[in-house]
Amino acid sequence: MTDGNRVDRNRHNSRESRESRESSESHDRRGGATASGANPRRATSLGRDILMLIVFIAISFAVAAIGSIGTAGNVDGWYATAEKAPWNPPNFLFGPVWTVLYVLMSVAAWLVWRRRYNVDTRPALVAYVVQLVLNSIWTPVFFGLYPVMGPAALWLALAIIVLLDIAVLITMLRFWPIRKASAVMLIPYWAWVLFATTLNAALAVLNS
């Protein structure tokens, strides 16, 4: 190989090396641009998820607010003198327990909602809304209608809370295939509603 050929070959190798480096740098710049472009989208998605969690919690506590309208003036009224089951807990326990349960059920529903792009979550969320509606109806009927209807209000409330028991169970079964953790998070709520059902039944029987 002549000196001229060696020079030409070295120039060719040098040019290829330089082009390879430029291509790599260009690829890195594009990759960096893509990554930086994705960050705002991830931030937007995270912000939307947090906002929806707040919405789910707000809806649950709106149901609690509806219930408080029915209890106002009645907890210390007819309920205070009514015959109750021996296992009836003190009044101060209900507020903290319901607060925890409302937060748990909100997070459970929110976790299911987050799977909406992977699976059809509508039947599960519809079941969740149905049980929320029954929940919101029960308290005003139980506490609010008793001064008007007497013991009949307690029996009506019992029918509603039995439907609520069933609705919560259906919601748990709907949640299970989508997000098992969400179904498990509803177990304390279901257990408490079942317990409340026994209290309602005892009050209906003892005060009829």
N, C-alpha and C. Protein backbone atom coordinates (compact mmCIF):
# COMPACT_ATOMS: atom_id res chain seq x y z
N MET A 1 0.87 -1.19 0.00
CA MET A 1 0.00 0.00 0.00
C MET A 1 0.90 1.23 0.00
N THR A 2 0.62 2.18 -0.91
CA THR A 2 1.43 3.39 -1.03
C THR A 2 1.08 4.37 0.05
N ASP A 3 1.96 5.34 0.25
CA ASP A 3 1.70 6.38 1.25
C ASP A 3 0.43 7.15 0.94
N GLY A 4 0.15 7.38 -0.32
CA GLY A 4 -1.06 8.12 -0.70
C GLY A 4 -2.31 7.37 -0.33
N ASN A 5 -2.26 6.03 -0.53
CA ASN A 5 -3.44 5.23 -0.17
C ASN A 5 -3.68 5.25 1.33
N ARG A 6 -2.54 5.15 2.09
CA ARG A 6 -2.70 5.17 3.54
C ARG A 6 -3.29 6.49 4.02
N VAL A 7 -2.84 7.60 3.42
CA VAL A 7 -3.38 8.91 3.80
C VAL A 7 -4.88 8.98 3.50
N ASP A 8 -5.25 8.50 2.29
CA ASP A 8 -6.68 8.54 1.93
C ASP A 8 -7.52 7.68 2.87
N ARG A 9 -6.96 6.51 3.26
CA ARG A 9 -7.72 5.62 4.15
C ARG A 9 -7.89 6.25 5.53
N ASN A 10 -6.81 6.90 6.01
CA ASN A 10 -6.90 7.56 7.32
C ASN A 10 -7.92 8.69 7.31
N ARG A 11 -7.94 9.44 6.20
CA ARG A 11 -8.92 10.54 6.09
C ARG A 11 -10.34 9.98 6.10
N HIS A 12 -10.53 8.85 5.39
CA HIS A 12 -11.85 8.24 5.30
C HIS A 12 -12.32 7.76 6.67
N ASN A 13 -11.41 7.11 7.42
CA ASN A 13 -11.76 6.63 8.76
C ASN A 13 -12.07 7.78 9.70
N SER A 14 -11.27 8.86 9.57
CA SER A 14 -11.49 10.03 10.42
C SER A 14 -12.85 10.66 10.15
N ARG A 15 -13.22 10.73 8.87
CA ARG A 15 -14.52 11.31 8.51
C ARG A 15 -15.67 10.46 9.04
N GLU A 16 -15.54 9.12 8.92
CA GLU A 16 -16.58 8.24 9.43
C GLU A 16 -16.74 8.37 10.95
N SER A 17 -15.60 8.47 11.64
CA SER A 17 -15.64 8.62 13.10
C SER A 17 -16.33 9.92 13.50
N ARG A 18 -16.01 11.02 12.75
CA ARG A 18 -16.61 12.30 13.06
C ARG A 18 -18.12 12.28 12.80
N GLU A 19 -18.54 11.64 11.70
CA GLU A 19 -19.96 11.55 11.37
C GLU A 19 -20.69 10.71 12.42
N SER A 20 -20.04 9.64 12.93
CA SER A 20 -20.65 8.80 13.94
C SER A 20 -20.88 9.58 15.24
N ARG A 21 -19.86 10.39 15.61
CA ARG A 21 -20.00 11.20 16.82
C ARG A 21 -21.11 12.21 16.67
N GLU A 22 -21.18 12.86 15.50
CA GLU A 22 -22.24 13.86 15.27
C GLU A 22 -23.62 13.22 15.31
N SER A 23 -23.72 11.99 14.73
CA SER A 23 -25.01 11.30 14.75
C SER A 23 -25.42 10.95 16.16
N SER A 24 -24.44 10.50 16.98
CA SER A 24 -24.74 10.15 18.37
C SER A 24 -25.17 11.37 19.15
N GLU A 25 -24.48 12.50 18.95
CA GLU A 25 -24.84 13.73 19.66
C GLU A 25 -26.23 14.20 19.26
N SER A 26 -26.53 14.07 17.95
CA SER A 26 -27.85 14.48 17.48
C SER A 26 -28.94 13.62 18.10
N HIS A 27 -28.67 12.30 18.19
CA HIS A 27 -29.64 11.39 18.81
C HIS A 27 -29.86 11.72 20.27
N ASP A 28 -28.76 12.02 20.98
CA ASP A 28 -28.87 12.39 22.40
C ASP A 28 -29.69 13.64 22.57
N ARG A 29 -29.48 14.62 21.66
CA ARG A 29 -30.25 15.86 21.78
C ARG A 29 -31.74 15.60 21.56
N ARG A 30 -32.05 14.74 20.57
CA ARG A 30 -33.45 14.42 20.31
C ARG A 30 -34.06 13.68 21.48
N GLY A 31 -33.28 12.73 22.05
CA GLY A 31 -33.76 11.99 23.21
C GLY A 31 -34.02 12.91 24.38
N GLY A 32 -33.12 13.86 24.60
CA GLY A 32 -33.31 14.82 25.68
C GLY A 32 -34.51 15.68 25.46
N ALA A 33 -34.75 16.08 24.21
CA ALA A 33 -35.92 16.91 23.90
C ALA A 33 -37.20 16.13 24.16
N THR A 34 -37.16 14.81 23.76
CA THR A 34 -38.35 14.00 23.97
C THR A 34 -38.65 13.83 25.46
N ALA A 35 -37.58 13.57 26.23
CA ALA A 35 -37.78 13.39 27.67
C ALA A 35 -38.29 14.66 28.31
N SER A 36 -37.70 15.80 27.92
CA SER A 36 -38.15 17.06 28.52
C SER A 36 -39.55 17.40 28.09
N GLY A 37 -39.92 16.96 26.86
CA GLY A 37 -41.28 17.22 26.39
C GLY A 37 -42.29 16.37 27.13
N ALA A 38 -41.87 15.18 27.64
CA ALA A 38 -42.80 14.30 28.33
C ALA A 38 -43.08 14.76 29.75
N ASN A 39 -42.15 15.46 30.33
CA ASN A 39 -42.31 15.89 31.71
C ASN A 39 -43.57 16.70 31.96
N PRO A 40 -43.87 17.70 31.13
CA PRO A 40 -45.11 18.46 31.35
C PRO A 40 -46.35 17.58 31.28
N ARG A 41 -46.32 16.59 30.39
CA ARG A 41 -47.48 15.70 30.28
C ARG A 41 -47.64 14.86 31.54
N ARG A 42 -46.52 14.35 32.05
CA ARG A 42 -46.60 13.59 33.29
C ARG A 42 -47.07 14.46 34.44
N ALA A 43 -46.59 15.69 34.47
CA ALA A 43 -47.00 16.61 35.53
C ALA A 43 -48.49 16.90 35.44
N THR A 44 -48.98 17.07 34.20
CA THR A 44 -50.41 17.33 33.99
C THR A 44 -51.25 16.15 34.44
N SER A 45 -50.79 14.92 34.09
CA SER A 45 -51.52 13.72 34.48
C SER A 45 -51.55 13.57 35.99
N LEU A 46 -50.42 13.82 36.64
CA LEU A 46 -50.37 13.73 38.10
C LEU A 46 -51.29 14.76 38.75
N GLY A 47 -51.30 15.98 38.20
CA GLY A 47 -52.16 17.02 38.74
C GLY A 47 -53.63 16.66 38.59
N ARG A 48 -53.98 16.06 37.43
CA ARG A 48 -55.37 15.66 37.22
C ARG A 48 -55.77 14.54 38.18
N ASP A 49 -54.86 13.59 38.40
CA ASP A 49 -55.15 12.49 39.33
C ASP A 49 -55.37 13.00 40.74
N ILE A 50 -54.54 13.92 41.18
CA ILE A 50 -54.68 14.48 42.52
C ILE A 50 -56.00 15.25 42.63
N LEU A 51 -56.33 16.00 41.59
CA LEU A 51 -57.59 16.75 41.59
C LEU A 51 -58.78 15.80 41.69
N MET A 52 -58.74 14.68 40.95
CA MET A 52 -59.84 13.73 41.00
C MET A 52 -59.94 13.04 42.35
N LEU A 53 -58.81 12.81 43.00
CA LEU A 53 -58.85 12.24 44.35
C LEU A 53 -59.58 13.20 45.30
N ILE A 54 -59.28 14.48 45.16
CA ILE A 54 -59.97 15.49 45.98
C ILE A 54 -61.46 15.49 45.68
N VAL A 55 -61.81 15.32 44.41
CA VAL A 55 -63.23 15.30 44.01
C VAL A 55 -63.93 14.10 44.63
N PHE A 56 -63.30 12.92 44.58
CA PHE A 56 -63.90 11.72 45.17
C PHE A 56 -64.12 11.90 46.67
N ILE A 57 -63.12 12.47 47.34
CA ILE A 57 -63.26 12.70 48.78
C ILE A 57 -64.36 13.72 49.06
N ALA A 58 -64.41 14.78 48.24
CA ALA A 58 -65.42 15.82 48.43
C ALA A 58 -66.83 15.25 48.26
N ILE A 59 -67.01 14.35 47.30
CA ILE A 59 -68.32 13.74 47.08
C ILE A 59 -68.74 12.92 48.30
N SER A 60 -67.79 12.16 48.84
CA SER A 60 -68.11 11.35 50.02
C SER A 60 -68.52 12.21 51.20
N PHE A 61 -67.80 13.31 51.39
CA PHE A 61 -68.13 14.15 52.53
C PHE A 61 -69.37 15.01 52.26
N ALA A 62 -69.73 15.16 51.00
CA ALA A 62 -71.01 15.79 50.70
C ALA A 62 -72.15 14.87 51.14
N VAL A 63 -71.96 13.57 50.94
CA VAL A 63 -72.93 12.58 51.44
C VAL A 63 -73.02 12.66 52.96
N ALA A 64 -71.86 12.80 53.60
CA ALA A 64 -71.85 12.93 55.06
C ALA A 64 -72.59 14.19 55.50
N ALA A 65 -72.44 15.25 54.74
CA ALA A 65 -73.11 16.51 55.08
C ALA A 65 -74.63 16.37 54.97
N ILE A 66 -75.07 15.63 53.94
CA ILE A 66 -76.51 15.38 53.79
C ILE A 66 -77.02 14.61 55.01
N GLY A 67 -76.22 13.63 55.44
CA GLY A 67 -76.62 12.85 56.61
C GLY A 67 -76.68 13.68 57.88
N SER A 68 -75.77 14.65 58.00
CA SER A 68 -75.75 15.48 59.21
C SER A 68 -77.00 16.34 59.32
N ILE A 69 -77.60 16.66 58.17
CA ILE A 69 -78.86 17.43 58.19
C ILE A 69 -79.95 16.63 58.90
N GLY A 70 -79.96 15.32 58.62
CA GLY A 70 -80.97 14.47 59.24
C GLY A 70 -80.74 14.24 60.71
N THR A 71 -79.46 14.18 61.11
CA THR A 71 -79.16 13.90 62.52
C THR A 71 -79.28 15.13 63.41
N ALA A 72 -79.16 16.31 62.82
CA ALA A 72 -79.18 17.53 63.62
C ALA A 72 -80.47 17.63 64.43
N GLY A 73 -80.32 17.74 65.72
CA GLY A 73 -81.46 17.89 66.60
C GLY A 73 -82.14 16.60 66.99
N ASN A 74 -81.83 15.50 66.24
CA ASN A 74 -82.49 14.23 66.53
C ASN A 74 -81.64 13.28 67.38
N VAL A 75 -80.32 13.41 67.27
CA VAL A 75 -79.45 12.57 68.09
C VAL A 75 -79.69 12.83 69.57
N ASP A 76 -79.85 14.10 69.91
CA ASP A 76 -80.14 14.47 71.30
C ASP A 76 -81.64 14.56 71.57
N GLY A 77 -82.44 14.23 70.55
CA GLY A 77 -83.89 14.27 70.71
C GLY A 77 -84.45 12.88 70.93
N TRP A 78 -85.24 12.38 69.96
CA TRP A 78 -85.89 11.09 70.12
C TRP A 78 -84.88 9.94 70.25
N TYR A 79 -83.74 10.06 69.55
CA TYR A 79 -82.76 8.97 69.56
C TYR A 79 -82.16 8.77 70.95
N ALA A 80 -82.00 9.86 71.68
CA ALA A 80 -81.39 9.78 73.01
C ALA A 80 -82.25 8.97 73.98
N THR A 81 -83.58 9.02 73.80
CA THR A 81 -84.48 8.33 74.73
C THR A 81 -85.01 7.01 74.18
N ALA A 82 -84.64 6.68 72.94
CA ALA A 82 -85.15 5.45 72.32
C ALA A 82 -84.49 4.22 72.92
N GLU A 83 -85.21 3.10 72.88
CA GLU A 83 -84.67 1.82 73.33
C GLU A 83 -83.65 1.34 72.29
N LYS A 84 -82.46 0.98 72.75
CA LYS A 84 -81.38 0.57 71.83
C LYS A 84 -80.87 -0.80 72.18
N ALA A 85 -80.13 -1.37 71.22
CA ALA A 85 -79.50 -2.67 71.44
C ALA A 85 -78.40 -2.55 72.48
N PRO A 86 -78.15 -3.60 73.25
CA PRO A 86 -77.09 -3.56 74.26
C PRO A 86 -75.71 -3.27 73.65
N TRP A 87 -75.52 -3.62 72.37
CA TRP A 87 -74.22 -3.42 71.71
C TRP A 87 -74.13 -2.07 71.00
N ASN A 88 -75.12 -1.23 71.21
CA ASN A 88 -75.11 0.10 70.57
C ASN A 88 -73.93 0.92 71.12
N PRO A 89 -73.01 1.39 70.23
CA PRO A 89 -71.83 2.14 70.71
C PRO A 89 -72.21 3.56 71.13
N PRO A 90 -71.34 4.22 71.87
CA PRO A 90 -71.60 5.62 72.26
C PRO A 90 -71.60 6.53 71.03
N ASN A 91 -72.35 7.62 71.13
CA ASN A 91 -72.51 8.52 69.99
C ASN A 91 -71.20 9.10 69.48
N PHE A 92 -70.25 9.37 70.37
CA PHE A 92 -69.01 10.02 69.95
C PHE A 92 -68.17 9.15 69.01
N LEU A 93 -68.47 7.84 68.95
CA LEU A 93 -67.68 6.93 68.12
C LEU A 93 -68.05 7.02 66.64
N PHE A 94 -69.29 7.39 66.35
CA PHE A 94 -69.77 7.36 64.97
C PHE A 94 -69.02 8.33 64.06
N GLY A 95 -68.80 9.55 64.54
CA GLY A 95 -68.15 10.56 63.70
C GLY A 95 -66.76 10.15 63.22
N PRO A 96 -65.84 9.79 64.12
CA PRO A 96 -64.49 9.38 63.68
C PRO A 96 -64.50 8.16 62.77
N VAL A 97 -65.37 7.19 63.11
CA VAL A 97 -65.42 5.97 62.29
C VAL A 97 -65.86 6.30 60.87
N TRP A 98 -66.94 7.07 60.73
CA TRP A 98 -67.43 7.41 59.41
C TRP A 98 -66.42 8.25 58.63
N THR A 99 -65.68 9.11 59.32
CA THR A 99 -64.67 9.92 58.64
C THR A 99 -63.62 9.03 57.98
N VAL A 100 -63.11 8.06 58.73
CA VAL A 100 -62.11 7.14 58.19
C VAL A 100 -62.69 6.33 57.03
N LEU A 101 -63.92 5.86 57.20
CA LEU A 101 -64.54 5.03 56.17
C LEU A 101 -64.80 5.81 54.88
N TYR A 102 -65.21 7.07 55.01
CA TYR A 102 -65.44 7.88 53.82
C TYR A 102 -64.14 8.12 53.06
N VAL A 103 -63.05 8.33 53.77
CA VAL A 103 -61.76 8.52 53.10
C VAL A 103 -61.34 7.23 52.41
N LEU A 104 -61.49 6.10 53.09
CA LEU A 104 -61.10 4.81 52.51
C LEU A 104 -61.90 4.52 51.24
N MET A 105 -63.21 4.72 51.30
CA MET A 105 -64.02 4.41 50.12
C MET A 105 -63.70 5.36 48.96
N SER A 106 -63.36 6.60 49.27
CA SER A 106 -63.00 7.56 48.24
C SER A 106 -61.71 7.15 47.53
N VAL A 107 -60.72 6.77 48.31
CA VAL A 107 -59.45 6.33 47.73
C VAL A 107 -59.66 5.06 46.91
N ALA A 108 -60.48 4.15 47.41
CA ALA A 108 -60.76 2.90 46.69
C ALA A 108 -61.38 3.19 45.33
N ALA A 109 -62.37 4.06 45.29
CA ALA A 109 -63.02 4.40 44.03
C ALA A 109 -62.06 5.14 43.09
N TRP A 110 -61.22 5.99 43.67
CA TRP A 110 -60.24 6.74 42.87
C TRP A 110 -59.23 5.79 42.21
N LEU A 111 -58.79 4.79 42.94
CA LEU A 111 -57.85 3.82 42.38
C LEU A 111 -58.48 3.06 41.22
N VAL A 112 -59.76 2.74 41.36
CA VAL A 112 -60.47 2.08 40.25
C VAL A 112 -60.58 3.03 39.07
N TRP A 113 -60.93 4.27 39.32
CA TRP A 113 -61.05 5.28 38.25
C TRP A 113 -59.74 5.42 37.47
N ARG A 114 -58.62 5.31 38.13
CA ARG A 114 -57.32 5.45 37.48
C ARG A 114 -57.03 4.33 36.47
N ARG A 115 -57.77 3.23 36.56
CA ARG A 115 -57.59 2.11 35.63
C ARG A 115 -58.49 2.22 34.41
N ARG A 116 -59.12 3.38 34.23
CA ARG A 116 -60.13 3.53 33.18
C ARG A 116 -59.59 3.31 31.78
N TYR A 117 -58.29 3.52 31.54
CA TYR A 117 -57.71 3.33 30.21
C TYR A 117 -57.34 1.87 29.95
N ASN A 118 -57.32 1.05 30.99
CA ASN A 118 -56.93 -0.35 30.85
C ASN A 118 -58.12 -1.29 30.84
N VAL A 119 -59.21 -0.88 31.47
CA VAL A 119 -60.37 -1.75 31.60
C VAL A 119 -61.62 -0.87 31.72
N ASP A 120 -62.77 -1.45 31.41
CA ASP A 120 -64.02 -0.71 31.54
C ASP A 120 -64.39 -0.59 33.02
N THR A 121 -64.25 0.60 33.56
CA THR A 121 -64.52 0.82 34.98
C THR A 121 -65.94 1.33 35.25
N ARG A 122 -66.70 1.57 34.20
CA ARG A 122 -68.02 2.18 34.39
C ARG A 122 -68.97 1.35 35.26
N PRO A 123 -69.11 0.03 35.03
CA PRO A 123 -70.01 -0.73 35.91
C PRO A 123 -69.61 -0.64 37.37
N ALA A 124 -68.31 -0.68 37.65
CA ALA A 124 -67.84 -0.61 39.03
C ALA A 124 -68.14 0.75 39.64
N LEU A 125 -67.91 1.80 38.89
CA LEU A 125 -68.15 3.14 39.43
C LEU A 125 -69.64 3.44 39.55
N VAL A 126 -70.45 2.87 38.66
CA VAL A 126 -71.90 3.02 38.80
C VAL A 126 -72.37 2.35 40.08
N ALA A 127 -71.86 1.15 40.36
CA ALA A 127 -72.21 0.47 41.61
C ALA A 127 -71.78 1.30 42.82
N TYR A 128 -70.64 1.93 42.71
CA TYR A 128 -70.15 2.78 43.80
C TYR A 128 -71.09 3.97 44.02
N VAL A 129 -71.55 4.58 42.94
CA VAL A 129 -72.46 5.72 43.05
C VAL A 129 -73.80 5.28 43.64
N VAL A 130 -74.28 4.12 43.24
CA VAL A 130 -75.56 3.61 43.77
C VAL A 130 -75.49 3.45 45.28
N GLN A 131 -74.39 2.85 45.77
CA GLN A 131 -74.30 2.68 47.22
C GLN A 131 -74.14 4.02 47.93
N LEU A 132 -73.50 4.99 47.28
CA LEU A 132 -73.40 6.32 47.87
C LEU A 132 -74.78 6.97 48.01
N VAL A 133 -75.59 6.79 46.99
CA VAL A 133 -76.95 7.36 47.02
C VAL A 133 -77.75 6.73 48.15
N LEU A 134 -77.67 5.41 48.27
CA LEU A 134 -78.39 4.73 49.36
C LEU A 134 -77.87 5.18 50.72
N ASN A 135 -76.57 5.37 50.80
CA ASN A 135 -75.96 5.87 52.04
C ASN A 135 -76.52 7.25 52.41
N SER A 136 -76.62 8.11 51.40
CA SER A 136 -77.09 9.47 51.65
C SER A 136 -78.56 9.51 52.04
N ILE A 137 -79.33 8.52 51.57
CA ILE A 137 -80.77 8.48 51.88
C ILE A 137 -81.03 7.94 53.28
N TRP A 138 -80.24 6.94 53.69
CA TRP A 138 -80.55 6.23 54.93
C TRP A 138 -80.60 7.15 56.15
N THR A 139 -79.59 7.99 56.33
CA THR A 139 -79.54 8.81 57.55
C THR A 139 -80.72 9.76 57.69
N PRO A 140 -81.08 10.53 56.64
CA PRO A 140 -82.25 11.40 56.79
C PRO A 140 -83.55 10.64 57.07
N VAL A 141 -83.66 9.43 56.47
CA VAL A 141 -84.87 8.64 56.73
C VAL A 141 -84.88 8.15 58.17
N PHE A 142 -83.76 7.60 58.61
CA PHE A 142 -83.68 7.02 59.95
C PHE A 142 -83.89 8.07 61.03
N PHE A 143 -83.14 9.17 60.94
CA PHE A 143 -83.22 10.19 61.98
C PHE A 143 -84.31 11.22 61.72
N GLY A 144 -84.41 11.67 60.48
CA GLY A 144 -85.28 12.80 60.17
C GLY A 144 -86.75 12.47 60.10
N LEU A 145 -87.09 11.25 59.65
CA LEU A 145 -88.50 10.92 59.47
C LEU A 145 -89.16 10.35 60.73
N TYR A 146 -88.37 9.94 61.69
CA TYR A 146 -88.96 9.33 62.89
C TYR A 146 -89.95 10.28 63.59
N PRO A 147 -89.62 11.58 63.77
CA PRO A 147 -90.60 12.46 64.42
C PRO A 147 -91.90 12.58 63.64
N VAL A 148 -91.86 12.30 62.35
CA VAL A 148 -93.05 12.42 61.51
C VAL A 148 -93.80 11.09 61.40
N MET A 149 -93.04 10.01 61.14
CA MET A 149 -93.64 8.71 60.86
C MET A 149 -93.60 7.74 62.04
N GLY A 150 -92.80 8.05 63.04
CA GLY A 150 -92.67 7.13 64.16
C GLY A 150 -91.89 5.88 63.78
N PRO A 151 -92.22 4.73 64.38
CA PRO A 151 -91.49 3.48 64.12
C PRO A 151 -91.46 3.08 62.64
N ALA A 152 -92.44 3.51 61.88
CA ALA A 152 -92.45 3.17 60.45
C ALA A 152 -91.20 3.69 59.75
N ALA A 153 -90.68 4.82 60.21
CA ALA A 153 -89.46 5.37 59.63
C ALA A 153 -88.27 4.44 59.87
N LEU A 154 -88.24 3.81 61.04
CA LEU A 154 -87.15 2.89 61.35
C LEU A 154 -87.20 1.65 60.47
N TRP A 155 -88.39 1.16 60.19
CA TRP A 155 -88.53 0.00 59.31
C TRP A 155 -88.18 0.37 57.87
N LEU A 156 -88.57 1.55 57.46
CA LEU A 156 -88.21 2.02 56.12
C LEU A 156 -86.69 2.17 56.00
N ALA A 157 -86.09 2.73 57.04
CA ALA A 157 -84.64 2.87 57.05
C ALA A 157 -83.95 1.51 57.03
N LEU A 158 -84.55 0.53 57.71
CA LEU A 158 -83.98 -0.81 57.71
C LEU A 158 -83.97 -1.40 56.30
N ALA A 159 -85.05 -1.20 55.57
CA ALA A 159 -85.10 -1.69 54.18
C ALA A 159 -84.00 -1.03 53.35
N ILE A 160 -83.81 0.27 53.57
CA ILE A 160 -82.79 1.00 52.80
C ILE A 160 -81.39 0.50 53.13
N ILE A 161 -81.11 0.28 54.42
CA ILE A 161 -79.76 -0.12 54.79
C ILE A 161 -79.47 -1.57 54.37
N VAL A 162 -80.48 -2.40 54.28
CA VAL A 162 -80.28 -3.75 53.73
C VAL A 162 -79.90 -3.65 52.26
N LEU A 163 -80.56 -2.78 51.53
CA LEU A 163 -80.18 -2.53 50.13
C LEU A 163 -78.75 -1.99 50.05
N LEU A 164 -78.39 -1.15 51.02
CA LEU A 164 -77.03 -0.62 51.06
C LEU A 164 -76.02 -1.74 51.29
N ASP A 165 -76.35 -2.67 52.19
CA ASP A 165 -75.47 -3.83 52.40
C ASP A 165 -75.19 -4.55 51.08
N ILE A 166 -76.26 -4.78 50.34
CA ILE A 166 -76.13 -5.49 49.06
C ILE A 166 -75.34 -4.67 48.06
N ALA A 167 -75.61 -3.37 48.02
CA ALA A 167 -74.94 -2.50 47.05
C ALA A 167 -73.44 -2.41 47.32
N VAL A 168 -73.06 -2.36 48.60
CA VAL A 168 -71.63 -2.30 48.94
C VAL A 168 -70.95 -3.61 48.54
N LEU A 169 -71.62 -4.73 48.78
CA LEU A 169 -71.06 -6.03 48.39
C LEU A 169 -70.87 -6.09 46.87
N ILE A 170 -71.86 -5.64 46.13
CA ILE A 170 -71.75 -5.62 44.67
C ILE A 170 -70.60 -4.73 44.23
N THR A 171 -70.45 -3.60 44.89
CA THR A 171 -69.35 -2.69 44.56
C THR A 171 -68.00 -3.36 44.80
N MET A 172 -67.89 -4.07 45.91
CA MET A 172 -66.64 -4.79 46.20
C MET A 172 -66.35 -5.83 45.12
N LEU A 173 -67.38 -6.56 44.71
CA LEU A 173 -67.20 -7.58 43.68
C LEU A 173 -66.84 -6.96 42.34
N ARG A 174 -67.37 -5.78 42.06
CA ARG A 174 -67.02 -5.06 40.82
C ARG A 174 -65.60 -4.52 40.88
N PHE A 175 -65.19 -4.09 42.05
CA PHE A 175 -63.83 -3.53 42.21
C PHE A 175 -62.76 -4.61 42.11
N TRP A 176 -63.06 -5.82 42.59
CA TRP A 176 -62.05 -6.86 42.74
C TRP A 176 -61.26 -7.15 41.45
N PRO A 177 -61.92 -7.38 40.30
CA PRO A 177 -61.15 -7.68 39.08
C PRO A 177 -60.32 -6.49 38.58
N ILE A 178 -60.73 -5.29 38.95
CA ILE A 178 -60.06 -4.08 38.46
C ILE A 178 -58.90 -3.70 39.36
N ARG A 179 -59.17 -3.64 40.65
CA ARG A 179 -58.13 -3.27 41.62
C ARG A 179 -58.45 -3.97 42.94
N LYS A 180 -57.76 -5.06 43.21
CA LYS A 180 -58.05 -5.84 44.41
C LYS A 180 -57.91 -5.02 45.69
N ALA A 181 -56.93 -4.13 45.71
CA ALA A 181 -56.73 -3.28 46.88
C ALA A 181 -57.97 -2.44 47.16
N SER A 182 -58.64 -1.98 46.11
CA SER A 182 -59.85 -1.17 46.28
C SER A 182 -60.97 -1.98 46.93
N ALA A 183 -61.11 -3.23 46.50
CA ALA A 183 -62.14 -4.09 47.10
C ALA A 183 -61.83 -4.33 48.57
N VAL A 184 -60.58 -4.57 48.89
CA VAL A 184 -60.18 -4.81 50.28
C VAL A 184 -60.43 -3.57 51.13
N MET A 185 -60.20 -2.39 50.56
CA MET A 185 -60.40 -1.15 51.31
C MET A 185 -61.86 -0.91 51.66
N LEU A 186 -62.77 -1.57 50.95
CA LEU A 186 -64.20 -1.42 51.25
C LEU A 186 -64.69 -2.39 52.33
N ILE A 187 -63.85 -3.35 52.71
CA ILE A 187 -64.28 -4.34 53.72
C ILE A 187 -64.65 -3.68 55.05
N PRO A 188 -63.83 -2.76 55.59
CA PRO A 188 -64.24 -2.11 56.85
C PRO A 188 -65.55 -1.36 56.73
N TYR A 189 -65.77 -0.72 55.59
CA TYR A 189 -67.02 0.01 55.35
C TYR A 189 -68.20 -0.94 55.35
N TRP A 190 -68.05 -2.06 54.64
CA TRP A 190 -69.14 -3.05 54.58
C TRP A 190 -69.42 -3.62 55.96
N ALA A 191 -68.35 -3.92 56.71
CA ALA A 191 -68.53 -4.47 58.06
C ALA A 191 -69.27 -3.48 58.96
N TRP A 192 -68.94 -2.20 58.83
CA TRP A 192 -69.60 -1.19 59.66
C TRP A 192 -71.07 -1.02 59.27
N VAL A 193 -71.35 -1.07 57.98
CA VAL A 193 -72.73 -0.95 57.52
C VAL A 193 -73.55 -2.15 57.99
N LEU A 194 -72.96 -3.33 57.94
CA LEU A 194 -73.66 -4.51 58.46
C LEU A 194 -73.94 -4.37 59.96
N PHE A 195 -72.96 -3.83 60.69
CA PHE A 195 -73.15 -3.58 62.11
C PHE A 195 -74.27 -2.56 62.33
N ALA A 196 -74.26 -1.50 61.51
CA ALA A 196 -75.32 -0.48 61.61
C ALA A 196 -76.68 -1.07 61.30
N THR A 197 -76.70 -2.08 60.43
CA THR A 197 -77.96 -2.75 60.10
C THR A 197 -78.55 -3.43 61.34
N THR A 198 -77.68 -4.05 62.13
CA THR A 198 -78.17 -4.69 63.36
C THR A 198 -78.70 -3.65 64.35
N LEU A 199 -78.05 -2.50 64.41
CA LEU A 199 -78.52 -1.43 65.30
C LEU A 199 -79.87 -0.91 64.86
N ASN A 200 -80.02 -0.73 63.53
CA ASN A 200 -81.29 -0.25 62.98
C ASN A 200 -82.40 -1.26 63.25
N ALA A 201 -82.10 -2.54 63.05
CA ALA A 201 -83.11 -3.58 63.26
C ALA A 201 -83.53 -3.62 64.72
N ALA A 202 -82.56 -3.52 65.62
CA ALA A 202 -82.89 -3.54 67.06
C ALA A 202 -83.76 -2.36 67.44
N LEU A 203 -83.44 -1.19 66.93
CA LEU A 203 -84.23 0.01 67.23
C LEU A 203 -85.65 -0.14 66.69
N ALA A 204 -85.78 -0.71 65.48
CA ALA A 204 -87.11 -0.88 64.89
C ALA A 204 -87.96 -1.84 65.73
N VAL A 205 -87.34 -2.92 66.18
CA VAL A 205 -88.08 -3.91 66.97
C VAL A 205 -88.41 -3.38 68.37
N LEU A 206 -87.42 -2.77 69.02
CA LEU A 206 -87.59 -2.34 70.41
C LEU A 206 -88.52 -1.13 70.56
N ASN A 207 -88.66 -0.35 69.47
CA ASN A 207 -89.46 0.88 69.59
C ASN A 207 -90.76 0.81 68.79
N SER A 208 -91.17 -0.38 68.40
CA SER A 208 -92.44 -0.52 67.66
C SER A 208 -93.57 -0.86 68.64
